[in-house]
Amino acid sequence: MMEVEVGHHNVLLVRSEGIYSAIGNQCTHYGAPLSKGVLSGHRVRCPWHGACFNIQTGDLEEYPGMDCLPCHTVKVENNKVYVSVNKKTKRIKSMGSRVEGVIHTILLLGGGSASLVCAETLRQENFGGRIIMVTRDNLLPYDKTRLSKVMNVEDDSILLRRMEFFHKHDIEVWLRKEAMSLDTEKKKVTFDDGSVQSYDQLLISTGCRAKGLECPGKDLENVKMLETPEDARQIHVACIGCHIVIVGTSFVVHYFYKASSITVIGSSELPYQKTLGPEIGKVTMMMLAEKDVAFYMNDNVSEVRGENGKVKEVVLKSGTVIPADVLIVGIGVIPNSEFLQGTPIAMDSKSSVIVDKCMRTNVLEVFCGGDLATFPLKMAKDQRVNIGHWQMAQAHGRVAALNMLNIPTELNSVPYYWTVLLGKNIRYTGYGEGYTDIVVKGKVEEQKFLAFYIKDDEVIAAASLNYDPAVSAVAERFATGNTITKKEAEPNIPWTCLPR
């Protein structure tokens, strides 16, 4: 597998099992060079975020991302390989539209990635009925992962699809409309404007909302939560030249470089401690501290004090008082499932919707996906999990759509997510809950490492910094159903020697 230039165009030339193929070299998600990714069987996995593409067709086979890759014609003559270039950089998979006389209606609640992928998959499979996507947002589906990465963002720049696309493929999108109740017997949803819509099949992907503080002063001006592009823009403007206090260590803080000061309050001892472990948490804290970020750990907010209706200072439970012009809250989420109360749809103790491997709820013709779903994760031996990641939500949408069309499909995706810290990407794959040991290759203190999370002598997750494409290689190993033993992960064995 290598990148080659053909007529001023770079393509990915692959030879697999003696057969040559050529596809686009840049991942359609964020443009990563696929030549630096991981080739496994019939597909290549992106080194940055784990998207997978078929090397023969260019089709997107694993998320994140929306588009497929172009294919180039390959001919072998006299031991020479000739490539005829298709000049496109992306390709939308062939899709149908509504067929006259088909009265079947599929209703998609929520405007996130699960609903969007569900709608597109239905049309790709030539579903000819009515598709309605309903969202309380005032925007078409957009890339929510970019809100914390590029806070001064314009709406138009983050749209995943434009209105022309939805018109072309007969996908109705209703904006600024929220489901208030559901009657599963009559198959009807009532919305906040009093309107009622019936359905034949339903996808619930209403996601979660940010959890706010529960203390005096929580409603003061400049207490912010990041949920929408408008929130991102307001936070960006409010933070210039100001004292910022951030509650919660999961929030990406390095984007506030124009602030006068940044203070982080965390309830744990170290940032990312539960997910990445203490050693890596300590290094992330050190990286931020070198940029003058102050930390108050093992603490929490007891009061927010204001002046003239605006935040002035934050009081911690320890008694510490911190000056603040802006308070940003990132302490978790609340499922948007209140409208399901009183319905027969099964939910867990955290009000997430329980689904099976096909994204089906316990109610016939009702599916659920995205952050709201609790589902069996194959790589975790079908343990029920709730994973609020962009890539997983997209996979949910596809699986739900196929099963709506009676194409039996089970969820087989491996969790993969990333966060950016001071311009450096920490990548993570797997499901590390309950790990008992960590094996590290490289040196954490030098900010170049690959960490394996071990449970019962098996690797259940991996994280890296400046170690691409190791995490993608591990993800592909998980995806093929193979295990990595603790012995195989030992520090003296190069990660490139992991058995395929």
Foldseek 3Di string as FASTA:
>chain_A
DAWDDDPNAIWDWDADPNDIWIWAQFDQPPGAGQRQFDDDHQWTFGLAFGWIAGRHCQDTDFDDDQWGIGTWDWDADPNDIDTHDDPDGTHHQDFAAADPPDAAEEEEEAQELLLVLLVRLLRSVPPRHAAEYEHLAPAHYFDLVCCLVPLQDDRVVTHRDDPVVCVVRRHHYHYNWHWQAADLVQQWTAIPVGDIDHHPFYEYEHAWAFDFDDAAPRPFPQAAEDDDSVSSNVVQVQQAQWEEEEEDLVRAPPVSLRHPAYEYEELAPFRCCQPPNDLLRVLLVVLVVVSVYHYDYNKGFHYFDDDPRFTAWTAIPVGDIGGGRHYYYHDDIQGPQPNCPPPPFDADPRQAGEDEQLQDTPRPNYGYAAQRYFYQAVLVVGDTHGDHDSRRRNLNSNSNSCVSVVNHDGRLAWDKDWDAHPNWIKIKIFDQPPFDDKAWADDSNVQFIKIFGDDPQWGGMIIGINDISLRSVVRVCSSVVHIQGNVNRHRVHDSVPGDD
